[in-house]
Amino acid sequence: EVQLVESGGGLVQAGGSLRLSCAASGFTFDDYAIGWFRQAPGKEREGVSCISSSDRRTYYADSVKGRFTISSDNAKNTVFLQMNSLKPEDTAVYYCAADPIFSLCGSPSYEMDYWGKGTLVTVSS
């Protein structure tokens, strides 16, 4: 059974940091790109960041460049999203997702193969 389990969300003040984790199981981790997406109430889903598990290529949305860092621990089949300098507009449910195609990862309209259930990040002003 494929599982993607997010953790690390919570409430933080503007300017603070959070580290999200995505623990993957049930598929060959090295063959997949793992992406982080977010969706705020009343807004469309946004691709935030992606990493290729095989060669560590990364993608960042312009809105998070310089503030968020994605990384992976292939030995633990886990991807992390370090979020610094958080802003109230970063408030959303954050989902991790997996797909074999890195080049499409991060596209808000592309349906990744597997999705987690999400973790809520709330940034207070």
PDB file of N, CA and C in Angstrom:
ATOM      1  N   GLU A   1       0.837  -1.193   0.000  1.00  0.00           N
ATOM      2  CA  GLU A   1       0.000   0.000   0.000  1.00  0.00           C
ATOM      3  C   GLU A   1       0.877   1.251   0.000  1.00  0.00           C
ATOM      4  N   VAL A   2       0.591   2.138  -0.934  1.00  0.00           N
ATOM      5  CA  VAL A   2       1.342   3.392  -1.003  1.00  0.00           C
ATOM      6  C   VAL A   2       0.868   4.342   0.093  1.00  0.00           C
ATOM      7  N   GLN A   3       1.839   4.923   0.770  1.00  0.00           N
ATOM      8  CA  GLN A   3       1.511   5.924   1.779  1.00  0.00           C
ATOM      9  C   GLN A   3       2.476   7.094   1.701  1.00  0.00           C
ATOM     10  N   LEU A   4       1.926   8.274   1.822  1.00  0.00           N
ATOM     11  CA  LEU A   4       2.704   9.494   1.987  1.00  0.00           C
ATOM     12  C   LEU A   4       2.135  10.177   3.221  1.00  0.00           C
ATOM     13  N   VAL A   5       2.971  10.347   4.221  1.00  0.00           N
ATOM     14  CA  VAL A   5       2.486  10.888   5.487  1.00  0.00           C
ATOM     15  C   VAL A   5       3.254  12.158   5.820  1.00  0.00           C
ATOM     16  N   GLU A   6       2.522  13.259   5.844  1.00  0.00           N
ATOM     17  CA  GLU A   6       3.134  14.548   6.163  1.00  0.00           C
ATOM     18  C   GLU A   6       3.099  14.801   7.670  1.00  0.00           C
ATOM     19  N   SER A   7       4.087  15.523   8.136  1.00  0.00           N
ATOM     20  CA  SER A   7       4.110  15.955   9.532  1.00  0.00           C
ATOM     21  C   SER A   7       4.905  17.249   9.632  1.00  0.00           C
ATOM     22  N   GLY A   8       4.765  17.905  10.787  1.00  0.00           N
ATOM     23  CA  GLY A   8       5.558  19.105  11.038  1.00  0.00           C
ATOM     24  C   GLY A   8       4.805  20.413  10.919  1.00  0.00           C
ATOM     25  N   GLY A   9       3.549  20.351  10.511  1.00  0.00           N
ATOM     26  CA  GLY A   9       2.784  21.585  10.435  1.00  0.00           C
ATOM     27  C   GLY A   9       2.467  22.131  11.809  1.00  0.00           C
ATOM     28  N   GLY A  10       1.945  23.340  11.828  1.00  0.00           N
ATOM     29  CA  GLY A  10       1.588  23.955  13.098  1.00  0.00           C
ATOM     30  C   GLY A  10       1.388  25.436  12.955  1.00  0.00           C
ATOM     31  N   LEU A  11       1.331  26.101  14.092  1.00  0.00           N
ATOM     32  CA  LEU A  11       1.135  27.546  14.156  1.00  0.00           C
ATOM     33  C   LEU A  11       2.460  28.218  14.454  1.00  0.00           C
ATOM     34  N   VAL A  12       2.798  29.220  13.658  1.00  0.00           N
ATOM     35  CA  VAL A  12       4.050  29.943  13.847  1.00  0.00           C
ATOM     36  C   VAL A  12       3.824  31.414  13.551  1.00  0.00           C
ATOM     37  N   GLN A  13       4.595  32.253  14.187  1.00  0.00           N
ATOM     38  CA  GLN A  13       4.497  33.688  13.911  1.00  0.00           C
ATOM     39  C   GLN A  13       5.228  34.034  12.624  1.00  0.00           C
ATOM     40  N   ALA A  14       4.816  35.119  12.015  1.00  0.00           N
ATOM     41  CA  ALA A  14       5.498  35.599  10.814  1.00  0.00           C
ATOM     42  C   ALA A  14       6.984  35.787  11.104  1.00  0.00           C
ATOM     43  N   GLY A  15       7.805  35.349  10.163  1.00  0.00           N
ATOM     44  CA  GLY A  15       9.243  35.407  10.340  1.00  0.00           C
ATOM     45  C   GLY A  15       9.838  34.138  10.916  1.00  0.00           C
ATOM     46  N   GLY A  16       8.978  33.266  11.393  1.00  0.00           N
ATOM     47  CA  GLY A  16       9.437  32.023  11.998  1.00  0.00           C
ATOM     48  C   GLY A  16       9.700  30.931  10.983  1.00  0.00           C
ATOM     49  N   SER A  17       9.997  29.751  11.490  1.00  0.00           N
ATOM     50  CA  SER A  17      10.369  28.613  10.641  1.00  0.00           C
ATOM     51  C   SER A  17       9.600  27.370  11.039  1.00  0.00           C
ATOM     52  N   LEU A  18       9.413  26.510  10.071  1.00  0.00           N
ATOM     53  CA  LEU A  18       8.865  25.173  10.294  1.00  0.00           C
ATOM     54  C   LEU A  18       9.577  24.217   9.351  1.00  0.00           C
ATOM     55  N   ARG A  19       9.630  22.963   9.753  1.00  0.00           N
ATOM     56  CA  ARG A  19      10.193  21.923   8.892  1.00  0.00           C
ATOM     57  C   ARG A  19       9.147  20.834   8.706  1.00  0.00           C
ATOM     58  N   LEU A  20       8.723  20.668   7.475  1.00  0.00           N
ATOM     59  CA  LEU A  20       7.761  19.622   7.157  1.00  0.00           C
ATOM     60  C   LEU A  20       8.504  18.363   6.728  1.00  0.00           C
ATOM     61  N   SER A  21       7.910  17.227   7.053  1.00  0.00           N
ATOM     62  CA  SER A  21       8.453  15.940   6.633  1.00  0.00           C
ATOM     63  C   SER A  21       7.395  15.173   5.862  1.00  0.00           C
ATOM     64  N   CYS A  22       7.850  14.390   4.898  1.00  0.00           N
ATOM     65  CA  CYS A  22       6.966  13.521   4.130  1.00  0.00           C
ATOM     66  C   CYS A  22       7.605  12.135   4.106  1.00  0.00           C
ATOM     67  N   ALA A  23       7.001  11.210   4.817  1.00  0.00           N
ATOM     68  CA  ALA A  23       7.504   9.839   4.876  1.00  0.00           C
ATOM     69  C   ALA A  23       6.761   8.998   3.848  1.00  0.00           C
ATOM     70  N   ALA A  24       7.518   8.383   2.956  1.00  0.00           N
ATOM     71  CA  ALA A  24       6.935   7.627   1.847  1.00  0.00           C
ATOM     72  C   ALA A  24       7.152   6.133   2.022  1.00  0.00           C
ATOM     73  N   SER A  25       6.188   5.358   1.571  1.00  0.00           N
ATOM     74  CA  SER A  25       6.318   3.902   1.589  1.00  0.00           C
ATOM     75  C   SER A  25       5.412   3.311   0.525  1.00  0.00           C
ATOM     76  N   GLY A  26       5.728   2.069   0.132  1.00  0.00           N
ATOM     77  CA  GLY A  26       4.868   1.352  -0.806  1.00  0.00           C
ATOM     78  C   GLY A  26       5.225   1.521  -2.266  1.00  0.00           C
ATOM     79  N   PHE A  27       6.291   2.264  -2.574  1.00  0.00           N
ATOM     80  CA  PHE A  27       6.754   2.394  -3.953  1.00  0.00           C
ATOM     81  C   PHE A  27       8.266   2.597  -3.915  1.00  0.00           C
ATOM     82  N   THR A  28       8.881   2.495  -5.095  1.00  0.00           N
ATOM     83  CA  THR A  28      10.335   2.623  -5.178  1.00  0.00           C
ATOM     84  C   THR A  28      10.711   4.097  -5.132  1.00  0.00           C
ATOM     85  N   PHE A  29      11.104   4.538  -3.978  1.00  0.00           N
ATOM     86  CA  PHE A  29      11.333   5.962  -3.717  1.00  0.00           C
ATOM     87  C   PHE A  29      12.296   6.590  -4.717  1.00  0.00           C
ATOM     88  N   ASP A  30      13.369   5.883  -5.044  1.00  0.00           N
ATOM     89  CA  ASP A  30      14.403   6.452  -5.921  1.00  0.00           C
ATOM     90  C   ASP A  30      13.897   6.707  -7.334  1.00  0.00           C
ATOM     91  N   ASP A  31      12.766   6.118  -7.706  1.00  0.00           N
ATOM     92  CA  ASP A  31      12.243   6.276  -9.064  1.00  0.00           C
ATOM     93  C   ASP A  31      11.246   7.431  -9.180  1.00  0.00           C
ATOM     94  N   TYR A  32      11.039   8.141  -8.097  1.00  0.00           N
ATOM     95  CA  TYR A  32       9.988   9.147  -8.071  1.00  0.00           C
ATOM     96  C   TYR A  32      10.514  10.529  -7.720  1.00  0.00           C
ATOM     97  N   ALA A  33       9.820  11.518  -8.230  1.00  0.00           N
ATOM     98  CA  ALA A  33       9.956  12.887  -7.747  1.00  0.00           C
ATOM     99  C   ALA A  33       8.919  13.096  -6.641  1.00  0.00           C
ATOM    100  N   ILE A  34       9.343  13.813  -5.630  1.00  0.00           N
ATOM    101  CA  ILE A  34       8.445  14.141  -4.527  1.00  0.00           C
ATOM    102  C   ILE A  34       8.222  15.647  -4.518  1.00  0.00           C
ATOM    103  N   GLY A  35       6.991  16.026  -4.466  1.00  0.00           N
ATOM    104  CA  GLY A  35       6.678  17.447  -4.490  1.00  0.00           C
ATOM    105  C   GLY A  35       5.860  17.878  -3.293  1.00  0.00           C
ATOM    106  N   TRP A  36       5.992  19.146  -2.967  1.00  0.00           N
ATOM    107  CA  TRP A  36       5.145  19.772  -1.960  1.00  0.00           C
ATOM    108  C   TRP A  36       4.199  20.750  -2.652  1.00  0.00           C
ATOM    109  N   PHE A  37       2.945  20.633  -2.328  1.00  0.00           N
ATOM    110  CA  PHE A  37       1.912  21.508  -2.846  1.00  0.00           C
ATOM    111  C   PHE A  37       1.210  22.141  -1.649  1.00  0.00           C
ATOM    112  N   ARG A  38       0.516  23.215  -1.898  1.00  0.00           N
ATOM    113  CA  ARG A  38      -0.265  23.812  -0.816  1.00  0.00           C
ATOM    114  C   ARG A  38      -1.562  24.377  -1.370  1.00  0.00           C
ATOM    115  N   GLN A  39      -2.534  24.439  -0.506  1.00  0.00           N
ATOM    116  CA  GLN A  39      -3.821  25.010  -0.889  1.00  0.00           C
ATOM    117  C   GLN A  39      -4.378  25.786   0.286  1.00  0.00           C
ATOM    118  N   ALA A  40      -4.576  27.064   0.059  1.00  0.00           N
ATOM    119  CA  ALA A  40      -5.175  27.936   1.061  1.00  0.00           C
ATOM    120  C   ALA A  40      -6.678  27.995   0.826  1.00  0.00           C
ATOM    121  N   PRO A  41      -7.461  28.304   1.847  1.00  0.00           N
ATOM    122  CA  PRO A  41      -8.911  28.385   1.682  1.00  0.00           C
ATOM    123  C   PRO A  41      -9.293  29.342   0.562  1.00  0.00           C
ATOM    124  N   GLY A  42     -10.130  28.875  -0.344  1.00  0.00           N
ATOM    125  CA  GLY A  42     -10.610  29.721  -1.415  1.00  0.00           C
ATOM    126  C   GLY A  42      -9.632  29.948  -2.542  1.00  0.00           C
ATOM    127  N   LYS A  43      -8.481  29.281  -2.470  1.00  0.00           N
ATOM    128  CA  LYS A  43      -7.465  29.464  -3.514  1.00  0.00           C
ATOM    129  C   LYS A  43      -7.166  28.142  -4.210  1.00  0.00           C
ATOM    130  N   GLU A  44      -6.581  28.262  -5.386  1.00  0.00           N
ATOM    131  CA  GLU A  44      -6.211  27.070  -6.126  1.00  0.00           C
ATOM    132  C   GLU A  44      -4.948  26.451  -5.538  1.00  0.00           C
ATOM    133  N   ARG A  45      -4.811  25.183  -5.803  1.00  0.00           N
ATOM    134  CA  ARG A  45      -3.617  24.486  -5.362  1.00  0.00           C
ATOM    135  C   ARG A  45      -2.374  25.062  -6.041  1.00  0.00           C
ATOM    136  N   GLU A  46      -1.295  25.152  -5.308  1.00  0.00           N
ATOM    137  CA  GLU A  46      -0.040  25.707  -5.818  1.00  0.00           C
ATOM    138  C   GLU A  46       1.089  24.707  -5.612  1.00  0.00           C
ATOM    139  N   GLY A  47       1.867  24.493  -6.644  1.00  0.00           N
ATOM    140  CA  GLY A  47       3.071  23.681  -6.500  1.00  0.00           C
ATOM    141  C   GLY A  47       4.152  24.515  -5.839  1.00  0.00           C
ATOM    142  N   VAL A  48       4.692  24.029  -4.749  1.00  0.00           N
ATOM    143  CA  VAL A  48       5.659  24.795  -3.956  1.00  0.00           C
ATOM    144  C   VAL A  48       7.091  24.407  -4.280  1.00  0.00           C
ATOM    145  N   SER A  49       7.374  23.129  -4.234  1.00  0.00           N
ATOM    146  CA  SER A  49       8.750  22.682  -4.440  1.00  0.00           C
ATOM    147  C   SER A  49       8.739  21.195  -4.779  1.00  0.00           C
ATOM    148  N   CYS A  50       9.756  20.765  -5.522  1.00  0.00           N
ATOM    149  CA  CYS A  50       9.887  19.362  -5.886  1.00  0.00           C
ATOM    150  C   CYS A  50      11.347  18.954  -5.842  1.00  0.00           C
ATOM    151  N   ILE A  51      11.557  17.665  -5.644  1.00  0.00           N
ATOM    152  CA  ILE A  51      12.906  17.116  -5.707  1.00  0.00           C
ATOM    153  C   ILE A  51      12.864  15.771  -6.399  1.00  0.00           C
ATOM    154  N   SER A  52      13.839  15.554  -7.261  1.00  0.00           N
ATOM    155  CA  SER A  52      13.995  14.255  -7.896  1.00  0.00           C
ATOM    156  C   SER A  52      14.793  13.359  -6.951  1.00  0.00           C
ATOM    157  N   SER A  53      14.221  12.236  -6.585  1.00  0.00           N
ATOM    158  CA  SER A  53      14.908  11.354  -5.638  1.00  0.00           C
ATOM    159  C   SER A  53      16.164  10.748  -6.237  1.00  0.00           C
ATOM    160  N   SER A  54      16.224  10.628  -7.551  1.00  0.00           N
ATOM    161  CA  SER A  54      17.373   9.979  -8.181  1.00  0.00           C
ATOM    162  C   SER A  54      18.563  10.914  -8.310  1.00  0.00           C
ATOM    163  N   ASP A  55      18.340  12.147  -8.748  1.00  0.00           N
ATOM    164  CA  ASP A  55      19.487  13.023  -8.993  1.00  0.00           C
ATOM    165  C   ASP A  55      19.421  14.345  -8.238  1.00  0.00           C
ATOM    166  N   ARG A  56      18.428  14.455  -7.365  1.00  0.00           N
ATOM    167  CA  ARG A  56      18.313  15.618  -6.463  1.00  0.00           C
ATOM    168  C   ARG A  56      18.075  16.936  -7.181  1.00  0.00           C
ATOM    169  N   ARG A  57      17.620  16.888  -8.440  1.00  0.00           N
ATOM    170  CA  ARG A  57      17.184  18.142  -9.063  1.00  0.00           C
ATOM    171  C   ARG A  57      16.048  18.713  -8.231  1.00  0.00           C
ATOM    172  N   THR A  58      15.991  20.037  -8.203  1.00  0.00           N
ATOM    173  CA  THR A  58      14.950  20.681  -7.400  1.00  0.00           C
ATOM    174  C   THR A  58      14.212  21.741  -8.205  1.00  0.00           C
ATOM    175  N   TYR A  59      13.030  22.026  -7.727  1.00  0.00           N
ATOM    176  CA  TYR A  59      12.195  23.082  -8.303  1.00  0.00           C
ATOM    177  C   TYR A  59      11.585  23.866  -7.144  1.00  0.00           C
ATOM    178  N   TYR A  60      11.512  25.173  -7.326  1.00  0.00           N
ATOM    179  CA  TYR A  60      10.846  26.030  -6.343  1.00  0.00           C
ATOM    180  C   TYR A  60       9.926  27.006  -7.057  1.00  0.00           C
ATOM    181  N   ALA A  61       8.774  27.214  -6.496  1.00  0.00           N
ATOM    182  CA  ALA A  61       7.912  28.279  -6.979  1.00  0.00           C
ATOM    183  C   ALA A  61       8.561  29.622  -6.649  1.00  0.00           C
ATOM    184  N   ASP A  62       8.294  30.610  -7.484  1.00  0.00           N
ATOM    185  CA  ASP A  62       8.884  31.937  -7.250  1.00  0.00           C
ATOM    186  C   ASP A  62       8.508  32.483  -5.871  1.00  0.00           C
ATOM    187  N   SER A  63       7.336  32.141  -5.422  1.00  0.00           N
ATOM    188  CA  SER A  63       6.839  32.683  -4.159  1.00  0.00           C
ATOM    189  C   SER A  63       7.618  32.194  -2.940  1.00  0.00           C
ATOM    190  N   VAL A  64       8.401  31.124  -3.093  1.00  0.00           N
ATOM    191  CA  VAL A  64       9.126  30.574  -1.941  1.00  0.00           C
ATOM    192  C   VAL A  64      10.635  30.529  -2.148  1.00  0.00           C
ATOM    193  N   LYS A  65      11.100  30.911  -3.328  1.00  0.00           N
ATOM    194  CA  LYS A  65      12.540  30.875  -3.595  1.00  0.00           C
ATOM    195  C   LYS A  65      13.298  31.723  -2.574  1.00  0.00           C
ATOM    196  N   GLY A  66      14.378  31.175  -2.064  1.00  0.00           N
ATOM    197  CA  GLY A  66      15.196  31.880  -1.091  1.00  0.00           C
ATOM    198  C   GLY A  66      14.719  31.727   0.344  1.00  0.00           C
ATOM    199  N   ARG A  67      13.517  31.175   0.523  1.00  0.00           N
ATOM    200  CA  ARG A  67      12.972  30.993   1.877  1.00  0.00           C
ATOM    201  C   ARG A  67      12.780  29.521   2.224  1.00  0.00           C
ATOM    202  N   PHE A  68      12.405  28.711   1.241  1.00  0.00           N
ATOM    203  CA  PHE A  68      12.147  27.292   1.474  1.00  0.00           C
ATOM    204  C   PHE A  68      13.275  26.469   0.858  1.00  0.00           C
ATOM    205  N   THR A  69      13.574  25.349   1.501  1.00  0.00           N
ATOM    206  CA  THR A  69      14.586  24.427   0.991  1.00  0.00           C
ATOM    207  C   THR A  69      14.039  23.006   1.069  1.00  0.00           C
ATOM    208  N   ILE A  70      14.097  22.304  -0.049  1.00  0.00           N
ATOM    209  CA  ILE A  70      13.646  20.921  -0.089  1.00  0.00           C
ATOM    210  C   ILE A  70      14.870  20.007  -0.061  1.00  0.00           C
ATOM    211  N   SER A  71      14.741  18.893   0.633  1.00  0.00           N
ATOM    212  CA  SER A  71      15.832  17.924   0.698  1.00  0.00           C
ATOM    213  C   SER A  71      15.234  16.534   0.883  1.00  0.00           C
ATOM    214  N   SER A  72      16.061  15.540   0.670  1.00  0.00           N
ATOM    215  CA  SER A  72      15.564  14.174   0.839  1.00  0.00           C
ATOM    216  C   SER A  72      16.588  13.307   1.534  1.00  0.00           C
ATOM    217  N   ASP A  73      16.101  12.360   2.286  1.00  0.00           N
ATOM    218  CA  ASP A  73      16.924  11.327   2.900  1.00  0.00           C
ATOM    219  C   ASP A  73      16.465  10.010   2.288  1.00  0.00           C
ATOM    220  N   ASN A  74      17.167   9.585   1.240  1.00  0.00           N
ATOM    221  CA  ASN A  74      16.726   8.401   0.507  1.00  0.00           C
ATOM    222  C   ASN A  74      16.807   7.135   1.355  1.00  0.00           C
ATOM    223  N   ALA A  75      17.696   7.109   2.317  1.00  0.00           N
ATOM    224  CA  ALA A  75      17.803   5.936   3.191  1.00  0.00           C
ATOM    225  C   ALA A  75      16.538   5.766   4.034  1.00  0.00           C
ATOM    226  N   LYS A  76      15.880   6.883   4.297  1.00  0.00           N
ATOM    227  CA  LYS A  76      14.664   6.848   5.125  1.00  0.00           C
ATOM    228  C   LYS A  76      13.397   7.110   4.316  1.00  0.00           C
ATOM    229  N   ASN A  77      13.546   7.210   2.986  1.00  0.00           N
ATOM    230  CA  ASN A  77      12.390   7.480   2.116  1.00  0.00           C
ATOM    231  C   ASN A  77      11.582   8.678   2.622  1.00  0.00           C
ATOM    232  N   THR A  78      12.300   9.719   2.948  1.00  0.00           N
ATOM    233  CA  THR A  78      11.664  10.900   3.528  1.00  0.00           C
ATOM    234  C   THR A  78      12.155  12.167   2.834  1.00  0.00           C
ATOM    235  N   VAL A  79      11.223  13.051   2.589  1.00  0.00           N
ATOM    236  CA  VAL A  79      11.531  14.359   2.006  1.00  0.00           C
ATOM    237  C   VAL A  79      11.157  15.429   3.020  1.00  0.00           C
ATOM    238  N   PHE A  80      11.991  16.447   3.077  1.00  0.00           N
ATOM    239  CA  PHE A  80      11.783  17.541   4.033  1.00  0.00           C
ATOM    240  C   PHE A  80      11.566  18.854   3.293  1.00  0.00           C
ATOM    241  N   LEU A  81      10.828  19.728   3.899  1.00  0.00           N
ATOM    242  CA  LEU A  81      10.680  21.090   3.397  1.00  0.00           C
ATOM    243  C   LEU A  81      10.966  22.036   4.550  1.00  0.00           C
ATOM    244  N   GLN A  82      12.127  22.656   4.510  1.00  0.00           N
ATOM    245  CA  GLN A  82      12.489  23.637   5.519  1.00  0.00           C
ATOM    246  C   GLN A  82      11.937  24.986   5.084  1.00  0.00           C
ATOM    247  N   MET A  83      11.092  25.556   5.916  1.00  0.00           N
ATOM    248  CA  MET A  83      10.436  26.807   5.570  1.00  0.00           C
ATOM    249  C   MET A  83      10.889  27.882   6.547  1.00  0.00           C
ATOM    250  N   ASN A  84      11.586  28.869   6.017  1.00  0.00           N
ATOM    251  CA  ASN A  84      12.075  29.978   6.833  1.00  0.00           C
ATOM    252  C   ASN A  84      11.390  31.274   6.414  1.00  0.00           C
ATOM    253  N   SER A  85      11.527  32.276   7.252  1.00  0.00           N
ATOM    254  CA  SER A  85      10.950  33.600   6.961  1.00  0.00           C
ATOM    255  C   SER A  85       9.495  33.488   6.532  1.00  0.00           C
ATOM    256  N   LEU A  86       8.750  32.734   7.286  1.00  0.00           N
ATOM    257  CA  LEU A  86       7.357  32.478   6.916  1.00  0.00           C
ATOM    258  C   LEU A  86       6.518  33.744   6.947  1.00  0.00           C
ATOM    259  N   LYS A  87       5.575  33.803   6.040  1.00  0.00           N
ATOM    260  CA  LYS A  87       4.678  34.948   5.899  1.00  0.00           C
ATOM    261  C   LYS A  87       3.238  34.477   6.098  1.00  0.00           C
ATOM    262  N   PRO A  88       2.354  35.369   6.472  1.00  0.00           N
ATOM    263  CA  PRO A  88       0.945  34.969   6.610  1.00  0.00           C
ATOM    264  C   PRO A  88       0.388  34.342   5.343  1.00  0.00           C
ATOM    265  N   GLU A  89       0.867  34.777   4.187  1.00  0.00           N
ATOM    266  CA  GLU A  89       0.371  34.218   2.924  1.00  0.00           C
ATOM    267  C   GLU A  89       0.874  32.804   2.671  1.00  0.00           C
ATOM    268  N   ASP A  90       1.746  32.296   3.510  1.00  0.00           N
ATOM    269  CA  ASP A  90       2.166  30.890   3.411  1.00  0.00           C
ATOM    270  C   ASP A  90       1.171  29.962   4.100  1.00  0.00           C
ATOM    271  N   THR A  91       0.201  30.541   4.789  1.00  0.00           N
ATOM    272  CA  THR A  91      -0.809  29.733   5.477  1.00  0.00           C
ATOM    273  C   THR A  91      -1.590  28.889   4.483  1.00  0.00           C
ATOM    274  N   ALA A  92      -1.608  27.585   4.711  1.00  0.00           N
ATOM    275  CA  ALA A  92      -2.275  26.650   3.797  1.00  0.00           C
ATOM    276  C   ALA A  92      -2.163  25.243   4.359  1.00  0.00           C
ATOM    277  N   VAL A  93      -2.887  24.338   3.745  1.00  0.00           N
ATOM    278  CA  VAL A  93      -2.643  22.917   3.968  1.00  0.00           C
ATOM    279  C   VAL A  93      -1.559  22.507   2.976  1.00  0.00           C
ATOM    280  N   TYR A  94      -0.518  21.890   3.482  1.00  0.00           N
ATOM    281  CA  TYR A  94       0.605  21.458   2.663  1.00  0.00           C
ATOM    282  C   TYR A  94       0.514  19.954   2.439  1.00  0.00           C
ATOM    283  N   TYR A  95       0.598  19.566   1.177  1.00  0.00           N
ATOM    284  CA  TYR A  95       0.519  18.169   0.797  1.00  0.00           C
ATOM    285  C   TYR A  95       1.835  17.750   0.144  1.00  0.00           C
ATOM    286  N   CYS A  96       2.244  16.521   0.385  1.00  0.00           N
ATOM    287  CA  CYS A  96       3.316  15.981  -0.435  1.00  0.00           C
ATOM    288  C   CYS A  96       2.716  14.985  -1.421  1.00  0.00           C
ATOM    289  N   ALA A  97       3.379  14.851  -2.536  1.00  0.00           N
ATOM    290  CA  ALA A  97       2.889  13.996  -3.605  1.00  0.00           C
ATOM    291  C   ALA A  97       4.077  13.387  -4.329  1.00  0.00           C
ATOM    292  N   ALA A  98       3.828  12.268  -4.983  1.00  0.00           N
ATOM    293  CA  ALA A  98       4.901  11.556  -5.677  1.00  0.00           C
ATOM    294  C   ALA A  98       4.493  11.226  -7.100  1.00  0.00           C
ATOM    295  N   ASP A  99       5.456  11.303  -7.992  1.00  0.00           N
ATOM    296  CA  ASP A  99       5.198  10.982  -9.398  1.00  0.00           C
ATOM    297  C   ASP A  99       6.524  10.649 -10.073  1.00  0.00           C
ATOM    298  N   PRO A 100       6.514   9.774 -11.069  1.00  0.00           N
ATOM    299  CA  PRO A 100       7.775   9.436 -11.748  1.00  0.00           C
ATOM    300  C   PRO A 100       8.357  10.572 -12.585  1.00  0.00           C
ATOM    301  N   ILE A 101       7.536  11.551 -12.954  1.00  0.00           N
ATOM    302  CA  ILE A 101       7.988  12.568 -13.910  1.00  0.00           C
ATOM    303  C   ILE A 101       8.349  13.854 -13.176  1.00  0.00           C
ATOM    304  N   PHE A 102       9.629  14.142 -13.042  1.00  0.00           N
ATOM    305  CA  PHE A 102      10.063  15.344 -12.335  1.00  0.00           C
ATOM    306  C   PHE A 102       9.644  16.606 -13.066  1.00  0.00           C
ATOM    307  N   SER A 103       9.715  16.596 -14.399  1.00  0.00           N
ATOM    308  CA  SER A 103       9.464  17.827 -15.154  1.00  0.00           C
ATOM    309  C   SER A 103       8.048  18.348 -14.986  1.00  0.00           C
ATOM    310  N   LEU A 104       7.127  17.481 -14.601  1.00  0.00           N
ATOM    311  CA  LEU A 104       5.741  17.911 -14.401  1.00  0.00           C
ATOM    312  C   LEU A 104       5.429  18.187 -12.933  1.00  0.00           C
ATOM    313  N   CYS A 105       6.347  17.819 -12.083  1.00  0.00           N
ATOM    314  CA  CYS A 105       6.144  18.033 -10.650  1.00  0.00           C
ATOM    315  C   CYS A 105       6.102  19.528 -10.377  1.00  0.00           C
ATOM    316  N   GLY A 106       5.149  19.945  -9.594  1.00  0.00           N
ATOM    317  CA  GLY A 106       5.023  21.358  -9.274  1.00  0.00           C
ATOM    318  C   GLY A 106       3.961  22.047 -10.087  1.00  0.00           C
ATOM    319  N   SER A 107       3.569  21.442 -11.197  1.00  0.00           N
ATOM    320  CA  SER A 107       2.487  22.021 -11.984  1.00  0.00           C
ATOM    321  C   SER A 107       1.173  21.839 -11.236  1.00  0.00           C
ATOM    322  N   PRO A 108       0.486  22.921 -10.953  1.00  0.00           N
ATOM    323  CA  PRO A 108      -0.729  22.800 -10.126  1.00  0.00           C
ATOM    324  C   PRO A 108      -1.826  21.991 -10.793  1.00  0.00           C
ATOM    325  N   SER A 109      -1.786  21.884 -12.109  1.00  0.00           N
ATOM    326  CA  SER A 109      -2.859  21.180 -12.809  1.00  0.00           C
ATOM    327  C   SER A 109      -2.531  19.719 -13.072  1.00  0.00           C
ATOM    328  N   TYR A 110      -1.302  19.330 -12.777  1.00  0.00           N
ATOM    329  CA  TYR A 110      -0.899  17.948 -13.046  1.00  0.00           C
ATOM    330  C   TYR A 110      -1.238  17.090 -11.844  1.00  0.00           C
ATOM    331  N   GLU A 111      -1.852  15.963 -12.109  1.00  0.00           N
ATOM    332  CA  GLU A 111      -2.220  15.062 -11.023  1.00  0.00           C
ATOM    333  C   GLU A 111      -1.094  14.070 -10.772  1.00  0.00           C
ATOM    334  N   MET A 112      -0.380  14.305  -9.716  1.00  0.00           N
ATOM    335  CA  MET A 112       0.675  13.388  -9.300  1.00  0.00           C
ATOM    336  C   MET A 112       0.048  12.030  -8.988  1.00  0.00           C
ATOM    337  N   ASP A 113       0.868  10.980  -9.087  1.00  0.00           N
ATOM    338  CA  ASP A 113       0.345   9.629  -8.872  1.00  0.00           C
ATOM    339  C   ASP A 113      -0.202   9.415  -7.470  1.00  0.00           C
ATOM    340  N   TYR A 114       0.571   9.864  -6.480  1.00  0.00           N
ATOM    341  CA  TYR A 114       0.199   9.584  -5.086  1.00  0.00           C
ATOM    342  C   TYR A 114       0.203  10.879  -4.271  1.00  0.00           C
ATOM    343  N   TRP A 115      -0.712  10.948  -3.339  1.00  0.00           N
ATOM    344  CA  TRP A 115      -0.858  12.145  -2.504  1.00  0.00           C
ATOM    345  C   TRP A 115      -0.970  11.764  -1.032  1.00  0.00           C
ATOM    346  N   GLY A 116      -0.437  12.644  -0.187  1.00  0.00           N
ATOM    347  CA  GLY A 116      -0.667  12.513   1.235  1.00  0.00           C
ATOM    348  C   GLY A 116      -1.936  13.242   1.623  1.00  0.00           C
ATOM    349  N   LYS A 117      -2.251  13.203   2.918  1.00  0.00           N
ATOM    350  CA  LYS A 117      -3.488  13.816   3.392  1.00  0.00           C
ATOM    351  C   LYS A 117      -3.316  15.259   3.827  1.00  0.00           C
ATOM    352  N   GLY A 118      -2.090  15.694   3.935  1.00  0.00           N
ATOM    353  CA  GLY A 118      -1.837  17.100   4.221  1.00  0.00           C
ATOM    354  C   GLY A 118      -1.562  17.415   5.671  1.00  0.00           C
ATOM    355  N   THR A 119      -0.879  18.538   5.870  1.00  0.00           N
ATOM    356  CA  THR A 119      -0.616  19.068   7.207  1.00  0.00           C
ATOM    357  C   THR A 119      -0.825  20.575   7.156  1.00  0.00           C
ATOM    358  N   LEU A 120      -1.480  21.110   8.164  1.00  0.00           N
ATOM    359  CA  LEU A 120      -1.849  22.521   8.174  1.00  0.00           C
ATOM    360  C   LEU A 120      -0.713  23.375   8.708  1.00  0.00           C
ATOM    361  N   VAL A 121      -0.403  24.405   7.950  1.00  0.00           N
ATOM    362  CA  VAL A 121       0.557  25.420   8.380  1.00  0.00           C
ATOM    363  C   VAL A 121      -0.180  26.739   8.522  1.00  0.00           C
ATOM    364  N   THR A 122      -0.096  27.333   9.694  1.00  0.00           N
ATOM    365  CA  THR A 122      -0.736  28.614   9.948  1.00  0.00           C
ATOM    366  C   THR A 122       0.309  29.613  10.404  1.00  0.00           C
ATOM    367  N   VAL A 123       0.412  30.713   9.676  1.00  0.00           N
ATOM    368  CA  VAL A 123       1.380  31.753  10.006  1.00  0.00           C
ATOM    369  C   VAL A 123       0.611  32.986  10.454  1.00  0.00           C
ATOM    370  N   SER A 124       0.829  33.364  11.693  1.00  0.00           N
ATOM    371  CA  SER A 124       0.117  34.529  12.244  1.00  0.00           C
ATOM    372  C   SER A 124       0.927  35.801  12.032  1.00  0.00           C
ATOM    373  N   SER A 125       0.229  36.892  11.856  1.00  0.00           N
ATOM    374  CA  SER A 125       0.911  38.175  11.602  1.00  0.00           C
ATOM    375  C   SER A 125       1.229  38.900  12.895  1.00  0.00           C
TER     376      SER A 125
END
